[in-house]
Amino acid sequence: MLITLTRTFAAEAQRLTASRPLLALAGTEAPDALMAALDAEVRVEMAKDRAYWEPLKRELETMRIAQAREGRS
């Protein structure tokens, strides 16, 4: 299906290939390479997500602990 989409929307796929390199693989008959590229992209996005949320989670935990201490006093 992805091969069909990249062929149907070839101009858009070509334009987006710079930011989404795996689209170049989507137009080929190389499903293993496409799946590996997709998996790598997912792992990168998950790492970005963790990096974004980790400091916020620590801040919330600090606030929760401070609030619990205030409640005990």
C-alpha atoms as a PDB file:
ATOM      1  CA  MET A   1       0.000   0.000   0.000  1.00  0.00           C
ATOM      2  CA  LEU A   2       2.806   2.442   0.853  1.00  0.00           C
ATOM      3  CA  ILE A   3       4.420   1.784  -2.514  1.00  0.00           C
ATOM      4  CA  THR A   4       1.102   2.618  -4.179  1.00  0.00           C
ATOM      5  CA  LEU A   5       0.766   5.839  -2.192  1.00  0.00           C
ATOM      6  CA  THR A   6       4.281   6.998  -3.000  1.00  0.00           C
ATOM      7  CA  ARG A   7       3.645   6.303  -6.669  1.00  0.00           C
ATOM      8  CA  THR A   8       0.271   8.062  -6.625  1.00  0.00           C
ATOM      9  CA  PHE A   9       1.726  11.066  -4.813  1.00  0.00           C
ATOM     10  CA  ALA A  10       5.199  10.906  -6.339  1.00  0.00           C
ATOM     11  CA  ALA A  11       5.827  14.681  -6.319  1.00  0.00           C
ATOM     12  CA  GLU A  12       4.841  14.991  -2.660  1.00  0.00           C
ATOM     13  CA  ALA A  13       6.904  11.939  -1.691  1.00  0.00           C
ATOM     14  CA  GLN A  14       9.921  13.347  -3.520  1.00  0.00           C
ATOM     15  CA  ARG A  15       9.498  16.748  -1.849  1.00  0.00           C
ATOM     16  CA  LEU A  16       9.266  15.174   1.617  1.00  0.00           C
ATOM     17  CA  THR A  17      12.170  12.771   1.149  1.00  0.00           C
ATOM     18  CA  ALA A  18      14.653  15.303   2.587  1.00  0.00           C
ATOM     19  CA  SER A  19      12.821  15.346   5.923  1.00  0.00           C
ATOM     20  CA  ARG A  20      11.589  11.728   5.758  1.00  0.00           C
ATOM     21  CA  PRO A  21      14.352   9.688   4.059  1.00  0.00           C
ATOM     22  CA  LEU A  22      12.421   6.464   4.427  1.00  0.00           C
ATOM     23  CA  LEU A  23      10.015   7.717   1.734  1.00  0.00           C
ATOM     24  CA  ALA A  24      12.740   7.014  -0.819  1.00  0.00           C
ATOM     25  CA  LEU A  25      12.577   3.377   0.250  1.00  0.00           C
ATOM     26  CA  ALA A  26       8.779   3.298   0.165  1.00  0.00           C
ATOM     27  CA  GLY A  27       8.781   3.518  -3.611  1.00  0.00           C
ATOM     28  CA  THR A  28      11.012   0.475  -3.962  1.00  0.00           C
ATOM     29  CA  GLU A  29      10.448  -3.222  -3.643  1.00  0.00           C
ATOM     30  CA  ALA A  30      12.629  -3.412  -0.513  1.00  0.00           C
ATOM     31  CA  PRO A  31      10.205  -4.013   2.366  1.00  0.00           C
ATOM     32  CA  ASP A  32      12.944  -5.108   4.791  1.00  0.00           C
ATOM     33  CA  ALA A  33      14.910  -1.909   4.235  1.00  0.00           C
ATOM     34  CA  LEU A  34      11.730   0.154   4.591  1.00  0.00           C
ATOM     35  CA  MET A  35      10.800  -1.575   7.850  1.00  0.00           C
ATOM     36  CA  ALA A  36      14.321  -1.035   9.220  1.00  0.00           C
ATOM     37  CA  ALA A  37      14.187   2.659   8.288  1.00  0.00           C
ATOM     38  CA  LEU A  38      10.740   3.026   9.815  1.00  0.00           C
ATOM     39  CA  ASP A  39      11.895   1.304  13.000  1.00  0.00           C
ATOM     40  CA  ALA A  40      14.905   3.636  13.196  1.00  0.00           C
ATOM     41  CA  GLU A  41      12.659   6.671  12.713  1.00  0.00           C
ATOM     42  CA  VAL A  42      10.313   5.473  15.450  1.00  0.00           C
ATOM     43  CA  ARG A  43      13.235   4.971  17.858  1.00  0.00           C
ATOM     44  CA  VAL A  44      14.521   8.496  17.142  1.00  0.00           C
ATOM     45  CA  GLU A  45      11.086   9.999  17.781  1.00  0.00           C
ATOM     46  CA  MET A  46      10.706   7.998  20.997  1.00  0.00           C
ATOM     47  CA  ALA A  47      14.096   9.253  22.204  1.00  0.00           C
ATOM     48  CA  LYS A  48      13.046  12.841  21.460  1.00  0.00           C
ATOM     49  CA  ASP A  49       9.817  12.235  23.348  1.00  0.00           C
ATOM     50  CA  ARG A  50      11.672  10.866  26.388  1.00  0.00           C
ATOM     51  CA  ALA A  51      14.109  13.786  26.326  1.00  0.00           C
ATOM     52  CA  TYR A  52      11.209  16.240  26.254  1.00  0.00           C
ATOM     53  CA  TRP A  53       9.152  14.641  29.016  1.00  0.00           C
ATOM     54  CA  GLU A  54      11.865  13.554  31.467  1.00  0.00           C
ATOM     55  CA  PRO A  55      12.623  17.022  32.921  1.00  0.00           C
ATOM     56  CA  LEU A  56       8.914  17.771  33.160  1.00  0.00           C
ATOM     57  CA  LYS A  57       8.279  14.515  35.018  1.00  0.00           C
ATOM     58  CA  ARG A  58      11.110  15.326  37.444  1.00  0.00           C
ATOM     59  CA  GLU A  59       9.650  18.784  38.022  1.00  0.00           C
ATOM     60  CA  LEU A  60       6.205  17.335  38.703  1.00  0.00           C
ATOM     61  CA  GLU A  61       7.693  14.781  41.096  1.00  0.00           C
ATOM     62  CA  THR A  62       9.537  17.568  42.957  1.00  0.00           C
ATOM     63  CA  MET A  63       6.300  19.548  43.200  1.00  0.00           C
ATOM     64  CA  ARG A  64       4.412  16.486  44.447  1.00  0.00           C
ATOM     65  CA  ILE A  65       6.997  15.819  47.143  1.00  0.00           C
ATOM     66  CA  ALA A  66       6.990  19.480  48.228  1.00  0.00           C
ATOM     67  CA  GLN A  67       3.203  19.469  48.392  1.00  0.00           C
ATOM     68  CA  ALA A  68       3.208  16.268  50.451  1.00  0.00           C
ATOM     69  CA  ARG A  69       5.728  17.789  52.881  1.00  0.00           C
ATOM     70  CA  GLU A  70       3.595  20.936  53.232  1.00  0.00           C
ATOM     71  CA  GLY A  71       0.580  18.768  53.997  1.00  0.00           C
ATOM     72  CA  ARG A  72       2.455  17.018  56.843  1.00  0.00           C
ATOM     73  CA  SER A  73       3.612  20.220  58.510  1.00  0.00           C
END
